[in-house]
Amino acid sequence: MKIPFRAMCVALLCSATGLASAQLAVYPAKGQSADQQNKDQSECKNWAVGQTGYDPARPPPPPQAAAPAPGGQRVRGAAAGATVAAITDNDVGDAAVAGAVAGGVAHRSQRRQANRQQQQAATQQTQAGNAAFDKAMAACLEGRGYTVK
């Protein structure tokens, strides 16, 4: 299938200017000119942003995960180690150090898990925003006589 030069230029121009979502393929079903298609896509982009509150060109920053308080795990680990050592008549100092190390490992593990959860939330937020934007953009363009896939 041969793609007309005008349609190829419009597609390249739209992708270069960010006027059309990367998810949408837009065809001028009623013979709209390249200039008219650019104008319509720009207006539909503005309308879709207004309808959804989401702009794929400027996604919101990812939510900040609440980081566990630094040192809390180490202090609890040291206290637990010292308590167990005191009860079992072992060296309290060595047990406290071992407990602090274990607490530090637990703290890092919690921080990694919080970061993973933050990334997942940001990904879901971006996907939902893109889907809503694409749906609004398609509705606008179809209303103006374009075929959108």
N, C-alpha and C. Protein backbone atom coordinates (compact mmCIF):
# COMPACT_ATOMS: atom_id res chain seq x y z
N MET A 1 0.85 -1.18 0.00
CA MET A 1 0.00 0.00 0.00
C MET A 1 0.89 1.24 0.00
N LYS A 2 0.63 2.13 -0.91
CA LYS A 2 1.41 3.36 -1.02
C LYS A 2 0.74 4.46 -0.20
N ILE A 3 1.52 5.11 0.67
CA ILE A 3 1.00 6.20 1.50
C ILE A 3 1.22 7.50 0.77
N PRO A 4 0.16 8.30 0.60
CA PRO A 4 0.32 9.59 -0.08
C PRO A 4 1.32 10.47 0.67
N PHE A 5 2.07 11.24 -0.10
CA PHE A 5 3.09 12.10 0.49
C PHE A 5 2.50 13.04 1.52
N ARG A 6 1.34 13.62 1.22
CA ARG A 6 0.69 14.57 2.14
C ARG A 6 0.37 13.90 3.47
N ALA A 7 -0.18 12.69 3.45
CA ALA A 7 -0.53 11.99 4.70
C ALA A 7 0.73 11.66 5.49
N MET A 8 1.79 11.28 4.78
CA MET A 8 3.04 10.97 5.46
C MET A 8 3.60 12.23 6.12
N CYS A 9 3.55 13.35 5.43
CA CYS A 9 4.06 14.60 6.01
C CYS A 9 3.24 15.01 7.22
N VAL A 10 1.93 14.87 7.15
CA VAL A 10 1.07 15.22 8.28
C VAL A 10 1.42 14.33 9.46
N ALA A 11 1.56 13.04 9.22
CA ALA A 11 1.89 12.12 10.32
C ALA A 11 3.24 12.48 10.95
N LEU A 12 4.22 12.78 10.12
CA LEU A 12 5.53 13.13 10.66
C LEU A 12 5.49 14.47 11.39
N LEU A 13 4.77 15.44 10.84
CA LEU A 13 4.66 16.73 11.48
C LEU A 13 3.96 16.61 12.83
N CYS A 14 2.89 15.84 12.89
CA CYS A 14 2.16 15.69 14.14
C CYS A 14 3.01 14.99 15.19
N SER A 15 3.75 13.97 14.77
CA SER A 15 4.57 13.29 15.77
C SER A 15 5.72 14.18 16.21
N ALA A 16 6.23 15.03 15.32
CA ALA A 16 7.33 15.91 15.70
C ALA A 16 6.86 17.03 16.62
N THR A 17 5.62 17.50 16.42
CA THR A 17 5.13 18.60 17.24
C THR A 17 4.37 18.13 18.46
N GLY A 18 4.10 16.83 18.55
CA GLY A 18 3.39 16.31 19.70
C GLY A 18 1.90 16.62 19.67
N LEU A 19 1.35 16.94 18.49
CA LEU A 19 -0.07 17.28 18.41
C LEU A 19 -0.96 16.06 18.49
N ALA A 20 -0.48 14.93 18.04
CA ALA A 20 -1.29 13.72 18.10
C ALA A 20 -0.65 12.75 19.07
N SER A 21 -1.50 12.00 19.73
CA SER A 21 -0.98 11.00 20.66
C SER A 21 -0.27 9.92 19.87
N ALA A 22 0.75 9.34 20.47
CA ALA A 22 1.48 8.26 19.80
C ALA A 22 0.60 7.04 19.63
N GLN A 23 -0.52 6.98 20.35
CA GLN A 23 -1.42 5.84 20.29
C GLN A 23 -2.42 5.93 19.13
N LEU A 24 -2.62 7.08 18.57
CA LEU A 24 -3.68 7.28 17.59
C LEU A 24 -3.15 7.39 16.16
N ALA A 25 -3.88 6.74 15.26
CA ALA A 25 -3.63 6.90 13.83
C ALA A 25 -4.82 7.67 13.29
N VAL A 26 -4.57 8.80 12.65
CA VAL A 26 -5.63 9.70 12.20
C VAL A 26 -5.60 9.77 10.68
N TYR A 27 -6.79 9.52 10.06
CA TYR A 27 -6.90 9.58 8.61
C TYR A 27 -7.95 10.63 8.24
N PRO A 28 -7.61 11.53 7.31
CA PRO A 28 -8.57 12.56 6.89
C PRO A 28 -9.63 11.96 5.96
N ALA A 29 -10.69 11.37 6.53
CA ALA A 29 -11.70 10.62 5.78
C ALA A 29 -12.51 11.50 4.83
N LYS A 30 -12.58 12.79 5.09
CA LYS A 30 -13.37 13.68 4.23
C LYS A 30 -12.48 14.58 3.39
N GLY A 31 -11.24 14.13 3.16
CA GLY A 31 -10.34 14.86 2.29
C GLY A 31 -9.80 16.15 2.87
N GLN A 32 -9.73 16.26 4.18
CA GLN A 32 -9.20 17.46 4.80
C GLN A 32 -7.74 17.68 4.37
N SER A 33 -7.38 18.93 4.21
CA SER A 33 -6.01 19.25 3.81
C SER A 33 -5.07 19.02 5.00
N ALA A 34 -3.79 18.99 4.71
CA ALA A 34 -2.79 18.82 5.77
C ALA A 34 -2.86 19.97 6.76
N ASP A 35 -3.04 21.19 6.25
CA ASP A 35 -3.15 22.35 7.14
C ASP A 35 -4.39 22.25 8.03
N GLN A 36 -5.52 21.83 7.42
CA GLN A 36 -6.75 21.68 8.20
C GLN A 36 -6.59 20.59 9.25
N GLN A 37 -5.94 19.49 8.87
CA GLN A 37 -5.74 18.40 9.84
C GLN A 37 -4.86 18.87 11.00
N ASN A 38 -3.81 19.59 10.70
CA ASN A 38 -2.95 20.13 11.77
C ASN A 38 -3.75 21.03 12.71
N LYS A 39 -4.57 21.91 12.12
CA LYS A 39 -5.40 22.82 12.92
C LYS A 39 -6.38 22.03 13.79
N ASP A 40 -7.05 21.06 13.17
CA ASP A 40 -8.03 20.25 13.91
C ASP A 40 -7.35 19.46 15.04
N GLN A 41 -6.21 18.89 14.76
CA GLN A 41 -5.52 18.11 15.79
C GLN A 41 -5.06 19.01 16.94
N SER A 42 -4.60 20.19 16.61
CA SER A 42 -4.18 21.12 17.66
C SER A 42 -5.37 21.52 18.53
N GLU A 43 -6.49 21.86 17.89
CA GLU A 43 -7.68 22.23 18.64
C GLU A 43 -8.22 21.07 19.46
N CYS A 44 -8.20 19.88 18.89
CA CYS A 44 -8.68 18.69 19.61
C CYS A 44 -7.75 18.35 20.77
N LYS A 45 -6.45 18.58 20.60
CA LYS A 45 -5.53 18.33 21.71
C LYS A 45 -5.86 19.26 22.87
N ASN A 46 -6.07 20.53 22.57
CA ASN A 46 -6.42 21.49 23.63
C ASN A 46 -7.73 21.10 24.30
N TRP A 47 -8.71 20.68 23.50
CA TRP A 47 -10.00 20.28 24.05
C TRP A 47 -9.85 19.03 24.92
N ALA A 48 -9.08 18.05 24.45
CA ALA A 48 -8.89 16.80 25.21
C ALA A 48 -8.18 17.08 26.54
N VAL A 49 -7.20 17.97 26.53
CA VAL A 49 -6.52 18.34 27.78
C VAL A 49 -7.51 19.00 28.73
N GLY A 50 -8.36 19.87 28.20
CA GLY A 50 -9.36 20.53 29.04
C GLY A 50 -10.38 19.55 29.61
N GLN A 51 -10.75 18.55 28.81
CA GLN A 51 -11.73 17.57 29.26
C GLN A 51 -11.17 16.60 30.30
N THR A 52 -9.91 16.21 30.11
CA THR A 52 -9.34 15.16 30.97
C THR A 52 -8.45 15.72 32.08
N GLY A 53 -7.97 16.95 31.89
CA GLY A 53 -7.01 17.49 32.86
C GLY A 53 -5.65 16.84 32.74
N TYR A 54 -5.41 16.14 31.64
CA TYR A 54 -4.14 15.42 31.44
C TYR A 54 -3.55 15.82 30.10
N ASP A 55 -2.27 16.17 30.11
CA ASP A 55 -1.54 16.51 28.89
C ASP A 55 -0.37 15.53 28.75
N PRO A 56 -0.41 14.64 27.75
CA PRO A 56 0.68 13.67 27.59
C PRO A 56 2.05 14.33 27.40
N ALA A 57 2.07 15.56 26.90
CA ALA A 57 3.34 16.26 26.72
C ALA A 57 3.90 16.74 28.05
N ARG A 58 3.04 16.89 29.05
CA ARG A 58 3.47 17.35 30.38
C ARG A 58 2.79 16.53 31.47
N PRO A 59 3.15 15.24 31.59
CA PRO A 59 2.51 14.42 32.63
C PRO A 59 2.87 14.95 34.02
N PRO A 60 1.98 14.73 34.99
CA PRO A 60 2.27 15.21 36.34
C PRO A 60 3.46 14.47 36.94
N PRO A 61 4.15 15.09 37.88
CA PRO A 61 5.27 14.39 38.51
C PRO A 61 4.76 13.18 39.28
N PRO A 62 5.58 12.15 39.41
CA PRO A 62 5.15 10.96 40.13
C PRO A 62 4.91 11.28 41.60
N PRO A 63 3.96 10.58 42.23
CA PRO A 63 3.70 10.82 43.64
C PRO A 63 4.92 10.44 44.48
N GLN A 64 5.13 11.18 45.55
CA GLN A 64 6.26 10.91 46.43
C GLN A 64 5.86 9.86 47.46
N ALA A 65 6.65 8.81 47.54
CA ALA A 65 6.40 7.77 48.53
C ALA A 65 6.90 8.25 49.89
N ALA A 66 6.17 7.91 50.92
CA ALA A 66 6.61 8.26 52.28
C ALA A 66 7.73 7.31 52.66
N ALA A 67 8.90 7.86 52.85
CA ALA A 67 10.06 7.04 53.20
C ALA A 67 10.00 6.69 54.69
N PRO A 68 10.35 5.45 55.03
CA PRO A 68 10.39 5.10 56.45
C PRO A 68 11.41 5.97 57.17
N ALA A 69 11.14 6.25 58.41
CA ALA A 69 12.04 7.10 59.20
C ALA A 69 13.42 6.47 59.30
N PRO A 70 14.48 7.21 58.96
CA PRO A 70 15.82 6.65 59.01
C PRO A 70 16.23 6.34 60.45
N GLY A 71 16.88 5.21 60.61
CA GLY A 71 17.44 4.86 61.92
C GLY A 71 16.48 4.14 62.83
N GLY A 72 15.20 4.24 62.60
CA GLY A 72 14.22 3.61 63.48
C GLY A 72 14.37 2.09 63.51
N GLN A 73 14.58 1.51 62.36
CA GLN A 73 14.75 0.05 62.30
C GLN A 73 16.04 -0.37 63.02
N ARG A 74 17.09 0.42 62.85
CA ARG A 74 18.36 0.08 63.51
C ARG A 74 18.24 0.15 65.03
N VAL A 75 17.57 1.19 65.52
CA VAL A 75 17.42 1.35 66.96
C VAL A 75 16.59 0.20 67.52
N ARG A 76 15.48 -0.12 66.82
CA ARG A 76 14.65 -1.24 67.29
C ARG A 76 15.42 -2.56 67.22
N GLY A 77 16.19 -2.73 66.14
CA GLY A 77 16.99 -3.96 66.01
C GLY A 77 18.04 -4.07 67.10
N ALA A 78 18.70 -2.97 67.39
CA ALA A 78 19.72 -2.97 68.45
C ALA A 78 19.09 -3.25 69.80
N ALA A 79 17.94 -2.64 70.06
CA ALA A 79 17.25 -2.86 71.33
C ALA A 79 16.81 -4.31 71.46
N ALA A 80 16.26 -4.86 70.38
CA ALA A 80 15.82 -6.26 70.43
C ALA A 80 17.01 -7.18 70.64
N GLY A 81 18.10 -6.93 69.93
CA GLY A 81 19.30 -7.76 70.09
C GLY A 81 19.85 -7.70 71.50
N ALA A 82 19.90 -6.51 72.06
CA ALA A 82 20.41 -6.35 73.42
C ALA A 82 19.49 -7.02 74.43
N THR A 83 18.20 -6.93 74.22
CA THR A 83 17.24 -7.57 75.14
C THR A 83 17.40 -9.08 75.11
N VAL A 84 17.47 -9.65 73.92
CA VAL A 84 17.63 -11.11 73.81
C VAL A 84 18.95 -11.52 74.43
N ALA A 85 20.01 -10.77 74.20
CA ALA A 85 21.31 -11.11 74.76
C ALA A 85 21.28 -11.05 76.28
N ALA A 86 20.61 -10.05 76.82
CA ALA A 86 20.54 -9.93 78.28
C ALA A 86 19.77 -11.09 78.88
N ILE A 87 18.71 -11.51 78.23
CA ILE A 87 17.90 -12.62 78.74
C ILE A 87 18.68 -13.93 78.66
N THR A 88 19.45 -14.12 77.60
CA THR A 88 20.17 -15.39 77.41
C THR A 88 21.60 -15.34 77.93
N ASP A 89 21.97 -14.29 78.64
CA ASP A 89 23.31 -14.13 79.20
C ASP A 89 24.41 -14.16 78.15
N ASN A 90 24.15 -13.60 76.97
CA ASN A 90 25.18 -13.47 75.94
C ASN A 90 25.71 -12.05 75.95
N ASP A 91 26.71 -11.77 75.10
CA ASP A 91 27.33 -10.44 75.02
C ASP A 91 26.32 -9.44 74.47
N VAL A 92 25.90 -8.51 75.30
CA VAL A 92 24.88 -7.52 74.94
C VAL A 92 25.39 -6.61 73.82
N GLY A 93 26.65 -6.21 73.85
CA GLY A 93 27.21 -5.30 72.84
C GLY A 93 27.19 -5.92 71.46
N ASP A 94 27.66 -7.17 71.35
CA ASP A 94 27.67 -7.84 70.04
C ASP A 94 26.25 -8.05 69.52
N ALA A 95 25.35 -8.40 70.41
CA ALA A 95 23.97 -8.63 70.00
C ALA A 95 23.32 -7.33 69.54
N ALA A 96 23.63 -6.24 70.21
CA ALA A 96 23.07 -4.95 69.81
C ALA A 96 23.58 -4.55 68.43
N VAL A 97 24.87 -4.78 68.16
CA VAL A 97 25.44 -4.47 66.84
C VAL A 97 24.77 -5.33 65.77
N ALA A 98 24.62 -6.62 66.05
CA ALA A 98 23.98 -7.51 65.08
C ALA A 98 22.53 -7.08 64.84
N GLY A 99 21.84 -6.69 65.89
CA GLY A 99 20.46 -6.22 65.75
C GLY A 99 20.39 -4.95 64.94
N ALA A 100 21.34 -4.04 65.13
CA ALA A 100 21.36 -2.78 64.38
C ALA A 100 21.59 -3.05 62.89
N VAL A 101 22.49 -3.98 62.58
CA VAL A 101 22.75 -4.35 61.18
C VAL A 101 21.49 -4.93 60.56
N ALA A 102 20.84 -5.84 61.29
CA ALA A 102 19.60 -6.44 60.77
C ALA A 102 18.53 -5.37 60.57
N GLY A 103 18.46 -4.42 61.48
CA GLY A 103 17.50 -3.32 61.35
C GLY A 103 17.79 -2.46 60.14
N GLY A 104 19.07 -2.23 59.87
CA GLY A 104 19.46 -1.44 58.69
C GLY A 104 19.07 -2.14 57.40
N VAL A 105 19.24 -3.48 57.38
CA VAL A 105 18.85 -4.26 56.20
C VAL A 105 17.33 -4.15 56.00
N ALA A 106 16.58 -4.25 57.09
CA ALA A 106 15.12 -4.14 57.00
C ALA A 106 14.72 -2.75 56.49
N HIS A 107 15.42 -1.71 56.94
CA HIS A 107 15.12 -0.34 56.50
C HIS A 107 15.34 -0.19 54.99
N ARG A 108 16.45 -0.71 54.49
CA ARG A 108 16.73 -0.62 53.05
C ARG A 108 15.69 -1.41 52.26
N SER A 109 15.30 -2.55 52.77
CA SER A 109 14.29 -3.35 52.09
C SER A 109 12.96 -2.61 52.02
N GLN A 110 12.57 -1.95 53.09
CA GLN A 110 11.34 -1.17 53.09
C GLN A 110 11.42 -0.01 52.11
N ARG A 111 12.58 0.63 52.06
CA ARG A 111 12.76 1.76 51.15
C ARG A 111 12.67 1.29 49.69
N ARG A 112 13.27 0.14 49.37
CA ARG A 112 13.18 -0.39 48.00
C ARG A 112 11.73 -0.73 47.64
N GLN A 113 11.03 -1.33 48.59
CA GLN A 113 9.64 -1.67 48.34
C GLN A 113 8.80 -0.42 48.13
N ALA A 114 9.03 0.61 48.92
CA ALA A 114 8.30 1.87 48.76
C ALA A 114 8.60 2.49 47.39
N ASN A 115 9.85 2.41 46.94
CA ASN A 115 10.21 2.94 45.62
C ASN A 115 9.51 2.17 44.51
N ARG A 116 9.44 0.83 44.65
CA ARG A 116 8.74 0.02 43.64
C ARG A 116 7.27 0.38 43.59
N GLN A 117 6.66 0.54 44.75
CA GLN A 117 5.25 0.91 44.79
C GLN A 117 5.02 2.30 44.17
N GLN A 118 5.95 3.21 44.41
CA GLN A 118 5.85 4.55 43.84
C GLN A 118 5.93 4.48 42.31
N GLN A 119 6.85 3.67 41.80
CA GLN A 119 6.98 3.53 40.35
C GLN A 119 5.71 2.92 39.74
N GLN A 120 5.15 1.91 40.40
CA GLN A 120 3.93 1.29 39.89
C GLN A 120 2.78 2.29 39.87
N ALA A 121 2.65 3.07 40.93
CA ALA A 121 1.58 4.07 40.99
C ALA A 121 1.75 5.11 39.88
N ALA A 122 2.98 5.54 39.66
CA ALA A 122 3.24 6.54 38.61
C ALA A 122 2.92 5.96 37.23
N THR A 123 3.29 4.71 37.00
CA THR A 123 3.00 4.06 35.72
C THR A 123 1.50 3.94 35.50
N GLN A 124 0.77 3.53 36.53
CA GLN A 124 -0.68 3.42 36.41
C GLN A 124 -1.32 4.78 36.16
N GLN A 125 -0.83 5.80 36.84
CA GLN A 125 -1.36 7.15 36.66
C GLN A 125 -1.14 7.63 35.22
N THR A 126 0.05 7.38 34.70
CA THR A 126 0.37 7.79 33.33
C THR A 126 -0.48 7.03 32.32
N GLN A 127 -0.64 5.72 32.51
CA GLN A 127 -1.44 4.92 31.60
C GLN A 127 -2.90 5.37 31.60
N ALA A 128 -3.45 5.63 32.78
CA ALA A 128 -4.84 6.08 32.87
C ALA A 128 -5.01 7.45 32.22
N GLY A 129 -4.05 8.34 32.44
CA GLY A 129 -4.12 9.67 31.83
C GLY A 129 -4.03 9.60 30.31
N ASN A 130 -3.12 8.78 29.81
CA ASN A 130 -2.99 8.61 28.36
C ASN A 130 -4.25 8.03 27.75
N ALA A 131 -4.84 7.03 28.41
CA ALA A 131 -6.05 6.39 27.89
C ALA A 131 -7.21 7.40 27.83
N ALA A 132 -7.38 8.18 28.88
CA ALA A 132 -8.45 9.17 28.90
C ALA A 132 -8.22 10.24 27.83
N PHE A 133 -6.98 10.69 27.71
CA PHE A 133 -6.65 11.70 26.71
C PHE A 133 -6.91 11.15 25.30
N ASP A 134 -6.44 9.93 25.01
CA ASP A 134 -6.63 9.34 23.69
C ASP A 134 -8.11 9.21 23.35
N LYS A 135 -8.91 8.82 24.33
CA LYS A 135 -10.35 8.66 24.10
C LYS A 135 -10.99 10.01 23.76
N ALA A 136 -10.63 11.05 24.50
CA ALA A 136 -11.16 12.38 24.24
C ALA A 136 -10.68 12.91 22.89
N MET A 137 -9.41 12.70 22.60
CA MET A 137 -8.84 13.16 21.33
C MET A 137 -9.54 12.47 20.15
N ALA A 138 -9.76 11.17 20.26
CA ALA A 138 -10.44 10.43 19.20
C ALA A 138 -11.87 10.92 19.02
N ALA A 139 -12.56 11.17 20.12
CA ALA A 139 -13.94 11.66 20.02
C ALA A 139 -13.98 13.00 19.28
N CYS A 140 -13.08 13.88 19.61
CA CYS A 140 -13.04 15.19 18.97
C CYS A 140 -12.74 15.06 17.47
N LEU A 141 -11.72 14.28 17.14
CA LEU A 141 -11.34 14.14 15.73
C LEU A 141 -12.41 13.44 14.91
N GLU A 142 -13.05 12.43 15.50
CA GLU A 142 -14.13 11.74 14.78
C GLU A 142 -15.29 12.69 14.54
N GLY A 143 -15.54 13.57 15.51
CA GLY A 143 -16.60 14.57 15.34
C GLY A 143 -16.29 15.55 14.21
N ARG A 144 -15.03 15.65 13.85
CA ARG A 144 -14.62 16.58 12.77
C ARG A 144 -14.40 15.85 11.44
N GLY A 145 -14.80 14.58 11.40
CA GLY A 145 -14.76 13.85 10.13
C GLY A 145 -13.51 13.05 9.85
N TYR A 146 -12.73 12.71 10.87
CA TYR A 146 -11.53 11.91 10.68
C TYR A 146 -11.83 10.48 11.12
N THR A 147 -11.10 9.54 10.52
CA THR A 147 -11.14 8.17 10.98
C THR A 147 -9.97 8.01 11.93
N VAL A 148 -10.26 7.51 13.13
CA VAL A 148 -9.22 7.40 14.16
C VAL A 148 -9.14 5.96 14.63
N LYS A 149 -7.94 5.42 14.67
CA LYS A 149 -7.71 4.05 15.17
C LYS A 149 -6.64 4.09 16.24
